[in-house]
Amino acid sequence: MQFQKRIPVSVIGGFLGAGKTTLVNHLITSAGRKFGVIVNEFGETGIDGSLIENVDTDGIAELSNGCLCCVGRDDLVSAMFKIMSRKDKPDYLLIELSGLADPVPVAQTVMDPFARTKFELDGIIGVADARNLEQTLRDGPEGAIQLAYASSIVLNKTDLATPEQIENAEKLIRRINPLGEVQATAQSKVDPNRLLGLKAFDLDWKPLGHEHQHTANVQTFTLEAERPLERQKVNEFIDQYLISRPNAVFRAKGFLNVKGFEQQVLFQSVREIFSLEQSAERVKGPSKLVVIGRNLNQFEYEEAFRAAQVR
């Protein structure tokens, strides 16, 4: 039986007016792929679907019966499979969220065992307005939460911002999410190869420094352990301090030196969904785990992580 390649999916979030639909149109016209697009507009009647260019109407699904982060997950799966049932089916799927949406429930839907038979989560893309990001973060926690989960961040509308605003926005983003790649641009014009096909939830982790960051109720810190970790103890740490706290721990990612494994193990989680994968390319070394969340006791996490080491 021939193996059927799964269709990569990118979830695109960002506040109203940040440039999400402009980015979708840019990717469609410049990436050299056949796209399917799902647009979630919060309200009874959506309009963003009519703004998507260069995609046949049967390749666009518009969900306007509510925010995908709250309701409509069955509708989302149905729309995904309907698009893929086209005779000329796309080879990439973009899901554009409303400005209100939390990207994680949508990502979790894509990663659901049923959906994963046909689809794979390629990335979560956050679009931010360089001029207004600081105010957006002051207005409420939603902006910081969207940035915290993103694997790539498009810092848009730099043509309308001062150099100081751009620099400050980049600093704010990196404090919230040191794992995401930041691309500053105007009119959402970015190289598609820097956003698509990256398998951002695979082996893409980059070592970070020791500093603790805390911005807009989102904090980031790095846990380290010099000695190998006991398998049972690290499983208990993952269960107790990461996946059992989905409202506090947004993302975690790092390489772990686990006793009994020849290479380091890549761990990553998005709320309660997690994966462990042995890396053929990573030789043994200190364990490093980046944690992004809110209202976390960093000292407690450091102590618990070190306690998982072989004595």
C-alpha atoms as a PDB file:
ATOM      1  CA  MET A   1       0.000   0.000   0.000  1.00  0.00           C
ATOM      2  CA  GLN A   2       1.407   3.393  -1.004  1.00  0.00           C
ATOM      3  CA  PHE A   3       2.006   5.872   1.808  1.00  0.00           C
ATOM      4  CA  GLN A   4      -0.189   8.962   1.476  1.00  0.00           C
ATOM      5  CA  LYS A   5       1.560  12.195   2.296  1.00  0.00           C
ATOM      6  CA  ARG A   6      -0.214  14.334   4.856  1.00  0.00           C
ATOM      7  CA  ILE A   7      -1.158  17.903   3.974  1.00  0.00           C
ATOM      8  CA  PRO A   8       0.723  20.583   5.948  1.00  0.00           C
ATOM      9  CA  VAL A   9      -1.384  23.168   7.763  1.00  0.00           C
ATOM     10  CA  SER A  10      -0.450  26.628   9.019  1.00  0.00           C
ATOM     11  CA  VAL A  11      -2.671  28.477  11.487  1.00  0.00           C
ATOM     12  CA  ILE A  12      -2.493  32.265  11.036  1.00  0.00           C
ATOM     13  CA  GLY A  13      -3.519  34.531  13.902  1.00  0.00           C
ATOM     14  CA  GLY A  14      -3.225  38.188  14.787  1.00  0.00           C
ATOM     15  CA  PHE A  15      -5.386  41.092  15.853  1.00  0.00           C
ATOM     16  CA  LEU A  16      -7.855  42.843  13.578  1.00  0.00           C
ATOM     17  CA  GLY A  17      -6.011  45.019  11.090  1.00  0.00           C
ATOM     18  CA  ALA A  18      -2.599  43.435  11.620  1.00  0.00           C
ATOM     19  CA  GLY A  19      -2.521  42.099   8.054  1.00  0.00           C
ATOM     20  CA  LYS A  20      -3.580  38.436   8.238  1.00  0.00           C
ATOM     21  CA  THR A  21      -5.646  38.388   5.045  1.00  0.00           C
ATOM     22  CA  THR A  22      -2.960  40.367   3.230  1.00  0.00           C
ATOM     23  CA  LEU A  23      -0.445  37.735   4.312  1.00  0.00           C
ATOM     24  CA  VAL A  24      -2.703  34.910   3.123  1.00  0.00           C
ATOM     25  CA  ASN A  25      -3.040  36.549  -0.294  1.00  0.00           C
ATOM     26  CA  HIS A  26       0.711  37.144  -0.488  1.00  0.00           C
ATOM     27  CA  LEU A  27       1.463  33.494   0.268  1.00  0.00           C
ATOM     28  CA  ILE A  28      -1.092  32.307  -2.279  1.00  0.00           C
ATOM     29  CA  THR A  29       0.382  34.433  -5.065  1.00  0.00           C
ATOM     30  CA  SER A  30       4.075  33.928  -4.330  1.00  0.00           C
ATOM     31  CA  ALA A  31       4.646  30.525  -2.728  1.00  0.00           C
ATOM     32  CA  GLY A  32       4.174  28.342  -5.807  1.00  0.00           C
ATOM     33  CA  ARG A  33       1.747  25.955  -4.076  1.00  0.00           C
ATOM     34  CA  LYS A  34      -1.884  24.956  -4.456  1.00  0.00           C
ATOM     35  CA  PHE A  35      -3.646  26.308  -1.383  1.00  0.00           C
ATOM     36  CA  GLY A  36      -6.840  25.595   0.422  1.00  0.00           C
ATOM     37  CA  VAL A  37      -7.988  28.346   2.796  1.00  0.00           C
ATOM     38  CA  ILE A  38     -10.284  28.308   5.816  1.00  0.00           C
ATOM     39  CA  VAL A  39     -11.312  31.722   7.137  1.00  0.00           C
ATOM     40  CA  ASN A  40     -12.880  32.205  10.567  1.00  0.00           C
ATOM     41  CA  GLU A  41     -14.614  35.558  10.879  1.00  0.00           C
ATOM     42  CA  PHE A  42     -16.229  36.170  14.282  1.00  0.00           C
ATOM     43  CA  GLY A  43     -19.838  37.062  13.643  1.00  0.00           C
ATOM     44  CA  GLU A  44     -22.916  35.792  11.893  1.00  0.00           C
ATOM     45  CA  THR A  45     -21.716  36.955   8.493  1.00  0.00           C
ATOM     46  CA  GLY A  46     -18.057  36.864   7.549  1.00  0.00           C
ATOM     47  CA  ILE A  47     -16.406  38.999   4.880  1.00  0.00           C
ATOM     48  CA  ASP A  48     -12.785  37.874   4.839  1.00  0.00           C
ATOM     49  CA  GLY A  49     -13.495  34.884   2.596  1.00  0.00           C
ATOM     50  CA  SER A  50     -14.462  37.253  -0.225  1.00  0.00           C
ATOM     51  CA  LEU A  51     -11.094  38.970   0.139  1.00  0.00           C
ATOM     52  CA  ILE A  52      -9.053  35.833  -0.571  1.00  0.00           C
ATOM     53  CA  GLU A  53      -7.625  36.034  -4.079  1.00  0.00           C
ATOM     54  CA  ASN A  54      -6.467  33.437  -6.627  1.00  0.00           C
ATOM     55  CA  VAL A  55      -8.142  30.442  -4.976  1.00  0.00           C
ATOM     56  CA  ASP A  56     -11.196  28.755  -6.495  1.00  0.00           C
ATOM     57  CA  THR A  57     -14.307  29.152  -4.374  1.00  0.00           C
ATOM     58  CA  ASP A  58     -14.421  25.418  -3.643  1.00  0.00           C
ATOM     59  CA  GLY A  59     -10.959  25.775  -2.137  1.00  0.00           C
ATOM     60  CA  ILE A  60     -12.160  28.333   0.421  1.00  0.00           C
ATOM     61  CA  ALA A  61     -14.269  27.559   3.475  1.00  0.00           C
ATOM     62  CA  GLU A  62     -15.621  30.450   5.533  1.00  0.00           C
ATOM     63  CA  LEU A  63     -16.717  29.665   9.091  1.00  0.00           C
ATOM     64  CA  SER A  64     -18.674  32.572  10.560  1.00  0.00           C
ATOM     65  CA  ASN A  65     -20.805  30.858  13.204  1.00  0.00           C
ATOM     66  CA  GLY A  66     -18.445  31.634  16.052  1.00  0.00           C
ATOM     67  CA  CYS A  67     -14.844  31.828  17.135  1.00  0.00           C
ATOM     68  CA  LEU A  68     -12.986  28.598  16.361  1.00  0.00           C
ATOM     69  CA  CYS A  69     -11.246  28.712  19.725  1.00  0.00           C
ATOM     70  CA  CYS A  70     -14.622  28.264  21.454  1.00  0.00           C
ATOM     71  CA  VAL A  71     -16.994  26.440  19.137  1.00  0.00           C
ATOM     72  CA  GLY A  72     -17.066  24.875  15.717  1.00  0.00           C
ATOM     73  CA  ARG A  73     -14.207  22.387  15.985  1.00  0.00           C
ATOM     74  CA  ASP A  74     -16.335  19.749  14.264  1.00  0.00           C
ATOM     75  CA  ASP A  75     -17.109  22.356  11.619  1.00  0.00           C
ATOM     76  CA  LEU A  76     -13.390  22.957  11.187  1.00  0.00           C
ATOM     77  CA  VAL A  77     -12.591  19.278  10.661  1.00  0.00           C
ATOM     78  CA  SER A  78     -15.509  19.000   8.242  1.00  0.00           C
ATOM     79  CA  ALA A  79     -14.256  22.019   6.285  1.00  0.00           C
ATOM     80  CA  MET A  80     -10.716  20.623   6.162  1.00  0.00           C
ATOM     81  CA  PHE A  81     -11.832  17.292   4.745  1.00  0.00           C
ATOM     82  CA  LYS A  82     -14.281  18.939   2.338  1.00  0.00           C
ATOM     83  CA  ILE A  83     -11.513  21.043   0.829  1.00  0.00           C
ATOM     84  CA  MET A  84      -9.314  17.976   0.499  1.00  0.00           C
ATOM     85  CA  SER A  85     -12.096  16.111  -1.320  1.00  0.00           C
ATOM     86  CA  ARG A  86     -11.733  18.432  -4.308  1.00  0.00           C
ATOM     87  CA  LYS A  87     -10.634  16.802  -7.533  1.00  0.00           C
ATOM     88  CA  ASP A  88      -7.804  19.330  -7.783  1.00  0.00           C
ATOM     89  CA  LYS A  89      -6.990  19.163  -4.097  1.00  0.00           C
ATOM     90  CA  PRO A  90      -4.486  21.602  -2.566  1.00  0.00           C
ATOM     91  CA  ASP A  91      -1.081  20.630  -1.253  1.00  0.00           C
ATOM     92  CA  TYR A  92      -1.161  23.148   1.615  1.00  0.00           C
ATOM     93  CA  LEU A  93      -3.895  24.436   3.917  1.00  0.00           C
ATOM     94  CA  LEU A  94      -4.035  27.876   5.551  1.00  0.00           C
ATOM     95  CA  ILE A  95      -6.413  28.563   8.448  1.00  0.00           C
ATOM     96  CA  GLU A  96      -6.929  32.280   9.112  1.00  0.00           C
ATOM     97  CA  LEU A  97      -8.322  32.998  12.568  1.00  0.00           C
ATOM     98  CA  SER A  98     -10.416  35.905  13.718  1.00  0.00           C
ATOM     99  CA  GLY A  99      -8.610  38.522  15.759  1.00  0.00           C
ATOM    100  CA  LEU A 100     -10.229  37.151  18.917  1.00  0.00           C
ATOM    101  CA  ALA A 101      -9.179  33.540  18.498  1.00  0.00           C
ATOM    102  CA  ASP A 102      -6.806  31.537  20.645  1.00  0.00           C
ATOM    103  CA  PRO A 103      -4.747  29.506  18.120  1.00  0.00           C
ATOM    104  CA  VAL A 104      -4.224  26.498  20.357  1.00  0.00           C
ATOM    105  CA  PRO A 105      -7.662  24.825  20.159  1.00  0.00           C
ATOM    106  CA  VAL A 106      -7.385  25.094  16.380  1.00  0.00           C
ATOM    107  CA  ALA A 107      -3.881  23.614  16.439  1.00  0.00           C
ATOM    108  CA  GLN A 108      -5.154  20.859  18.721  1.00  0.00           C
ATOM    109  CA  THR A 109      -7.908  20.088  16.229  1.00  0.00           C
ATOM    110  CA  VAL A 110      -5.333  19.740  13.454  1.00  0.00           C
ATOM    111  CA  MET A 111      -3.277  17.465  15.723  1.00  0.00           C
ATOM    112  CA  ASP A 112      -6.285  15.320  16.659  1.00  0.00           C
ATOM    113  CA  PRO A 113      -5.692  11.634  15.751  1.00  0.00           C
ATOM    114  CA  PHE A 114      -8.537  11.677  13.211  1.00  0.00           C
ATOM    115  CA  ALA A 115      -7.327  14.851  11.480  1.00  0.00           C
ATOM    116  CA  ARG A 116      -3.731  13.643  11.560  1.00  0.00           C
ATOM    117  CA  THR A 117      -4.583  10.832   9.183  1.00  0.00           C
ATOM    118  CA  LYS A 118      -4.639  13.477   6.438  1.00  0.00           C
ATOM    119  CA  PHE A 119      -3.066  16.625   7.920  1.00  0.00           C
ATOM    120  CA  GLU A 120      -0.008  17.735   9.874  1.00  0.00           C
ATOM    121  CA  LEU A 121       0.521  20.981  11.770  1.00  0.00           C
ATOM    122  CA  ASP A 122       3.328  22.812   9.992  1.00  0.00           C
ATOM    123  CA  GLY A 123       3.299  26.039  11.983  1.00  0.00           C
ATOM    124  CA  ILE A 124       1.441  28.701  13.936  1.00  0.00           C
ATOM    125  CA  ILE A 125       2.020  32.135  12.414  1.00  0.00           C
ATOM    126  CA  GLY A 126       1.363  35.304  14.392  1.00  0.00           C
ATOM    127  CA  VAL A 127       0.901  38.647  12.634  1.00  0.00           C
ATOM    128  CA  ALA A 128       1.650  41.762  14.687  1.00  0.00           C
ATOM    129  CA  ASP A 129       1.280  45.467  13.916  1.00  0.00           C
ATOM    130  CA  ALA A 130       4.652  47.111  14.569  1.00  0.00           C
ATOM    131  CA  ARG A 131       3.139  50.514  15.251  1.00  0.00           C
ATOM    132  CA  ASN A 132       0.393  49.374  17.634  1.00  0.00           C
ATOM    133  CA  LEU A 133       1.815  46.237  19.261  1.00  0.00           C
ATOM    134  CA  GLU A 134       2.667  47.874  22.573  1.00  0.00           C
ATOM    135  CA  GLN A 135      -0.874  49.219  22.943  1.00  0.00           C
ATOM    136  CA  THR A 136      -2.349  45.875  21.853  1.00  0.00           C
ATOM    137  CA  LEU A 137      -0.453  44.135  24.630  1.00  0.00           C
ATOM    138  CA  ARG A 138      -1.712  46.711  27.144  1.00  0.00           C
ATOM    139  CA  ASP A 139      -5.327  46.229  26.064  1.00  0.00           C
ATOM    140  CA  GLY A 140      -5.530  42.609  27.183  1.00  0.00           C
ATOM    141  CA  PRO A 141      -3.791  39.251  27.398  1.00  0.00           C
ATOM    142  CA  GLU A 142      -5.006  37.901  24.043  1.00  0.00           C
ATOM    143  CA  GLY A 143      -2.219  39.513  22.017  1.00  0.00           C
ATOM    144  CA  ALA A 144       0.543  38.138  24.216  1.00  0.00           C
ATOM    145  CA  ILE A 145      -1.035  34.680  24.230  1.00  0.00           C
ATOM    146  CA  GLN A 146      -1.204  34.611  20.424  1.00  0.00           C
ATOM    147  CA  LEU A 147       2.464  35.582  20.211  1.00  0.00           C
ATOM    148  CA  ALA A 148       3.483  33.059  22.860  1.00  0.00           C
ATOM    149  CA  TYR A 149       2.266  30.113  20.788  1.00  0.00           C
ATOM    150  CA  ALA A 150       3.587  31.253  17.419  1.00  0.00           C
ATOM    151  CA  SER A 151       6.382  29.371  15.696  1.00  0.00           C
ATOM    152  CA  SER A 152       6.845  32.345  13.337  1.00  0.00           C
ATOM    153  CA  ILE A 153       5.949  36.007  13.869  1.00  0.00           C
ATOM    154  CA  VAL A 154       5.417  38.492  11.042  1.00  0.00           C
ATOM    155  CA  LEU A 155       6.046  41.985  12.415  1.00  0.00           C
ATOM    156  CA  ASN A 156       3.997  43.870   9.872  1.00  0.00           C
ATOM    157  CA  LYS A 157       3.368  47.499   8.879  1.00  0.00           C
ATOM    158  CA  THR A 158       6.936  48.597   9.535  1.00  0.00           C
ATOM    159  CA  ASP A 159       6.416  51.265   6.860  1.00  0.00           C
ATOM    160  CA  LEU A 160       3.954  52.978   9.204  1.00  0.00           C
ATOM    161  CA  ALA A 161       6.124  52.729  12.327  1.00  0.00           C
ATOM    162  CA  THR A 162       9.141  54.655  13.549  1.00  0.00           C
ATOM    163  CA  PRO A 163      12.496  52.891  13.982  1.00  0.00           C
ATOM    164  CA  GLU A 164      11.995  53.138  17.744  1.00  0.00           C
ATOM    165  CA  GLN A 165       8.560  51.501  17.536  1.00  0.00           C
ATOM    166  CA  ILE A 166       9.955  48.677  15.400  1.00  0.00           C
ATOM    167  CA  GLU A 167      12.862  48.070  17.760  1.00  0.00           C
ATOM    168  CA  ASN A 168      10.586  48.117  20.793  1.00  0.00           C
ATOM    169  CA  ALA A 169       8.110  45.744  19.121  1.00  0.00           C
ATOM    170  CA  GLU A 170      10.888  43.272  18.297  1.00  0.00           C
ATOM    171  CA  LYS A 171      12.079  43.349  21.904  1.00  0.00           C
ATOM    172  CA  LEU A 172       8.554  42.783  23.222  1.00  0.00           C
ATOM    173  CA  ILE A 173       8.041  39.816  20.906  1.00  0.00           C
ATOM    174  CA  ARG A 174      11.333  38.178  21.853  1.00  0.00           C
ATOM    175  CA  ARG A 175      10.581  38.606  25.546  1.00  0.00           C
ATOM    176  CA  ILE A 176       7.237  36.888  25.110  1.00  0.00           C
ATOM    177  CA  ASN A 177       8.398  34.193  22.697  1.00  0.00           C
ATOM    178  CA  PRO A 178      12.115  33.529  22.209  1.00  0.00           C
ATOM    179  CA  LEU A 179      11.292  30.355  20.238  1.00  0.00           C
ATOM    180  CA  GLY A 180       9.609  32.091  17.307  1.00  0.00           C
ATOM    181  CA  GLU A 181      11.404  33.570  14.314  1.00  0.00           C
ATOM    182  CA  VAL A 182      10.580  37.262  13.865  1.00  0.00           C
ATOM    183  CA  GLN A 183      10.348  38.744  10.367  1.00  0.00           C
ATOM    184  CA  ALA A 184       9.865  42.492  10.068  1.00  0.00           C
ATOM    185  CA  THR A 185       8.114  43.628   6.906  1.00  0.00           C
ATOM    186  CA  ALA A 186       5.585  45.944   5.300  1.00  0.00           C
ATOM    187  CA  GLN A 187       2.323  44.892   3.627  1.00  0.00           C
ATOM    188  CA  SER A 188       2.860  41.301   4.824  1.00  0.00           C
ATOM    189  CA  LYS A 189       5.518  40.697   2.164  1.00  0.00           C
ATOM    190  CA  VAL A 190       7.739  37.941   3.513  1.00  0.00           C
ATOM    191  CA  ASP A 191       9.631  35.106   1.877  1.00  0.00           C
ATOM    192  CA  PRO A 192       7.173  32.163   1.847  1.00  0.00           C
ATOM    193  CA  ASN A 193      10.064  29.756   2.358  1.00  0.00           C
ATOM    194  CA  ARG A 194      10.600  31.297   5.793  1.00  0.00           C
ATOM    195  CA  LEU A 195       7.017  30.534   6.826  1.00  0.00           C
ATOM    196  CA  LEU A 196       5.909  27.382   5.017  1.00  0.00           C
ATOM    197  CA  GLY A 197       7.210  23.845   4.943  1.00  0.00           C
ATOM    198  CA  LEU A 198       9.359  24.370   8.031  1.00  0.00           C
ATOM    199  CA  LYS A 199       7.813  21.603  10.151  1.00  0.00           C
ATOM    200  CA  ALA A 200       8.058  24.068  12.997  1.00  0.00           C
ATOM    201  CA  PHE A 201       6.970  21.537  15.581  1.00  0.00           C
ATOM    202  CA  ASP A 202       9.803  19.174  14.705  1.00  0.00           C
ATOM    203  CA  LEU A 203      13.543  19.533  15.327  1.00  0.00           C
ATOM    204  CA  ASP A 204      13.872  23.307  15.183  1.00  0.00           C
ATOM    205  CA  TRP A 205      14.753  24.202  18.755  1.00  0.00           C
ATOM    206  CA  LYS A 206      17.542  26.730  19.297  1.00  0.00           C
ATOM    207  CA  PRO A 207      19.490  27.029  22.574  1.00  0.00           C
ATOM    208  CA  LEU A 208      18.685  30.086  24.649  1.00  0.00           C
ATOM    209  CA  GLY A 209      20.329  32.025  27.386  1.00  0.00           C
ATOM    210  CA  HIS A 210      19.549  31.828  31.087  1.00  0.00           C
ATOM    211  CA  GLU A 211      17.539  35.008  31.448  1.00  0.00           C
ATOM    212  CA  HIS A 212      13.964  35.106  32.668  1.00  0.00           C
ATOM    213  CA  GLN A 213      11.531  37.281  30.715  1.00  0.00           C
ATOM    214  CA  HIS A 214       8.145  38.502  31.868  1.00  0.00           C
ATOM    215  CA  THR A 215       5.991  40.621  29.563  1.00  0.00           C
ATOM    216  CA  ALA A 216       2.229  41.202  29.359  1.00  0.00           C
ATOM    217  CA  ASN A 217       1.519  38.416  31.854  1.00  0.00           C
ATOM    218  CA  VAL A 218       3.576  35.963  29.771  1.00  0.00           C
ATOM    219  CA  GLN A 219       6.862  34.710  31.168  1.00  0.00           C
ATOM    220  CA  THR A 220       9.670  32.697  29.632  1.00  0.00           C
ATOM    221  CA  PHE A 221      12.537  30.868  31.302  1.00  0.00           C
ATOM    222  CA  THR A 222      15.005  28.095  30.520  1.00  0.00           C
ATOM    223  CA  LEU A 223      15.506  25.039  32.728  1.00  0.00           C
ATOM    224  CA  GLU A 224      18.871  23.281  32.695  1.00  0.00           C
ATOM    225  CA  ALA A 225      20.252  20.028  34.073  1.00  0.00           C
ATOM    226  CA  GLU A 226      23.865  18.912  33.705  1.00  0.00           C
ATOM    227  CA  ARG A 227      23.416  15.252  34.631  1.00  0.00           C
ATOM    228  CA  PRO A 228      21.225  12.761  32.723  1.00  0.00           C
ATOM    229  CA  LEU A 229      17.552  12.620  33.652  1.00  0.00           C
ATOM    230  CA  GLU A 230      15.829   9.552  35.062  1.00  0.00           C
ATOM    231  CA  ARG A 231      13.127   8.426  32.635  1.00  0.00           C
ATOM    232  CA  GLN A 232      10.457   7.941  35.293  1.00  0.00           C
ATOM    233  CA  LYS A 233      11.255  11.212  37.025  1.00  0.00           C
ATOM    234  CA  VAL A 234      11.226  13.232  33.823  1.00  0.00           C
ATOM    235  CA  ASN A 235       7.873  11.664  32.907  1.00  0.00           C
ATOM    236  CA  GLU A 236       6.537  12.741  36.299  1.00  0.00           C
ATOM    237  CA  PHE A 237       7.908  16.257  35.770  1.00  0.00           C
ATOM    238  CA  ILE A 238       6.253  16.496  32.350  1.00  0.00           C
ATOM    239  CA  ASP A 239       2.936  15.296  33.749  1.00  0.00           C
ATOM    240  CA  GLN A 240       2.918  17.393  36.920  1.00  0.00           C
ATOM    241  CA  TYR A 241       4.505  20.645  35.757  1.00  0.00           C
ATOM    242  CA  LEU A 242       3.675  20.876  32.060  1.00  0.00           C
ATOM    243  CA  ILE A 243       0.753  19.000  30.532  1.00  0.00           C
ATOM    244  CA  SER A 244      -1.444  19.042  33.645  1.00  0.00           C
ATOM    245  CA  ARG A 245      -1.306  22.870  33.679  1.00  0.00           C
ATOM    246  CA  PRO A 246      -2.691  23.813  30.242  1.00  0.00           C
ATOM    247  CA  ASN A 247      -3.974  27.195  31.395  1.00  0.00           C
ATOM    248  CA  ALA A 248      -0.608  28.171  32.854  1.00  0.00           C
ATOM    249  CA  VAL A 249       1.973  26.513  30.586  1.00  0.00           C
ATOM    250  CA  PHE A 250       1.482  27.617  26.978  1.00  0.00           C
ATOM    251  CA  ARG A 251       4.488  26.041  25.286  1.00  0.00           C
ATOM    252  CA  ALA A 252       7.544  24.065  26.271  1.00  0.00           C
ATOM    253  CA  LYS A 253      10.361  22.884  24.075  1.00  0.00           C
ATOM    254  CA  GLY A 254      13.849  21.556  24.523  1.00  0.00           C
ATOM    255  CA  PHE A 255      16.341  18.725  24.277  1.00  0.00           C
ATOM    256  CA  LEU A 256      16.552  16.287  27.164  1.00  0.00           C
ATOM    257  CA  ASN A 257      19.439  13.987  28.058  1.00  0.00           C
ATOM    258  CA  VAL A 258      17.476  10.957  29.281  1.00  0.00           C
ATOM    259  CA  LYS A 259      19.227   7.942  30.778  1.00  0.00           C
ATOM    260  CA  GLY A 260      18.930   4.927  28.493  1.00  0.00           C
ATOM    261  CA  PHE A 261      18.753   6.893  25.232  1.00  0.00           C
ATOM    262  CA  GLU A 262      21.795   7.186  22.973  1.00  0.00           C
ATOM    263  CA  GLN A 263      20.829  10.623  21.651  1.00  0.00           C
ATOM    264  CA  GLN A 264      19.054  13.548  23.199  1.00  0.00           C
ATOM    265  CA  VAL A 265      15.274  13.541  23.142  1.00  0.00           C
ATOM    266  CA  LEU A 266      13.292  16.454  21.724  1.00  0.00           C
ATOM    267  CA  PHE A 267      10.344  17.333  23.957  1.00  0.00           C
ATOM    268  CA  GLN A 268       7.737  19.855  22.959  1.00  0.00           C
ATOM    269  CA  SER A 269       4.261  20.652  24.131  1.00  0.00           C
ATOM    270  CA  VAL A 270       1.397  22.966  23.292  1.00  0.00           C
ATOM    271  CA  ARG A 271      -0.764  22.979  26.408  1.00  0.00           C
ATOM    272  CA  GLU A 272      -1.659  19.355  27.150  1.00  0.00           C
ATOM    273  CA  ILE A 273      -0.540  17.977  23.770  1.00  0.00           C
ATOM    274  CA  PHE A 274       3.083  16.863  23.763  1.00  0.00           C
ATOM    275  CA  SER A 275       5.569  14.755  21.852  1.00  0.00           C
ATOM    276  CA  LEU A 276       8.877  13.048  22.613  1.00  0.00           C
ATOM    277  CA  GLU A 277      11.210  12.207  19.746  1.00  0.00           C
ATOM    278  CA  GLN A 278      14.751  10.879  19.816  1.00  0.00           C
ATOM    279  CA  SER A 279      17.067  12.980  17.666  1.00  0.00           C
ATOM    280  CA  ALA A 280      19.622  11.217  15.496  1.00  0.00           C
ATOM    281  CA  GLU A 281      21.538  14.475  15.156  1.00  0.00           C
ATOM    282  CA  ARG A 282      21.861  15.535  18.789  1.00  0.00           C
ATOM    283  CA  VAL A 283      24.622  13.951  20.810  1.00  0.00           C
ATOM    284  CA  LYS A 284      24.462  13.825  24.577  1.00  0.00           C
ATOM    285  CA  GLY A 285      24.784  17.090  26.458  1.00  0.00           C
ATOM    286  CA  PRO A 286      23.090  19.111  29.191  1.00  0.00           C
ATOM    287  CA  SER A 287      19.293  19.125  29.171  1.00  0.00           C
ATOM    288  CA  LYS A 288      17.678  22.467  28.305  1.00  0.00           C
ATOM    289  CA  LEU A 289      13.955  23.127  28.342  1.00  0.00           C
ATOM    290  CA  VAL A 290      12.294  26.437  27.464  1.00  0.00           C
ATOM    291  CA  VAL A 291       8.985  27.091  29.235  1.00  0.00           C
ATOM    292  CA  ILE A 292       6.499  29.788  28.187  1.00  0.00           C
ATOM    293  CA  GLY A 293       3.492  30.471  30.401  1.00  0.00           C
ATOM    294  CA  ARG A 294       2.042  32.753  33.046  1.00  0.00           C
ATOM    295  CA  ASN A 295       1.933  32.883  36.847  1.00  0.00           C
ATOM    296  CA  LEU A 296       4.629  30.215  37.092  1.00  0.00           C
ATOM    297  CA  ASN A 297       7.008  29.844  40.023  1.00  0.00           C
ATOM    298  CA  GLN A 298      10.340  29.671  38.216  1.00  0.00           C
ATOM    299  CA  PHE A 299      12.226  28.489  41.316  1.00  0.00           C
ATOM    300  CA  GLU A 300       9.751  25.628  41.772  1.00  0.00           C
ATOM    301  CA  TYR A 301      10.273  24.545  38.168  1.00  0.00           C
ATOM    302  CA  GLU A 302      14.056  24.748  38.438  1.00  0.00           C
ATOM    303  CA  GLU A 303      14.079  22.641  41.594  1.00  0.00           C
ATOM    304  CA  ALA A 304      11.721  20.024  40.146  1.00  0.00           C
ATOM    305  CA  PHE A 305      13.685  19.773  36.898  1.00  0.00           C
ATOM    306  CA  ARG A 306      17.005  19.327  38.692  1.00  0.00           C
ATOM    307  CA  ALA A 307      15.400  16.718  40.970  1.00  0.00           C
ATOM    308  CA  ALA A 308      14.759  14.560  37.896  1.00  0.00           C
ATOM    309  CA  GLN A 309      18.503  14.076  37.395  1.00  0.00           C
ATOM    310  CA  VAL A 310      20.272  10.784  38.049  1.00  0.00           C
ATOM    311  CA  ARG A 311      21.696  10.883  41.558  1.00  0.00           C
END
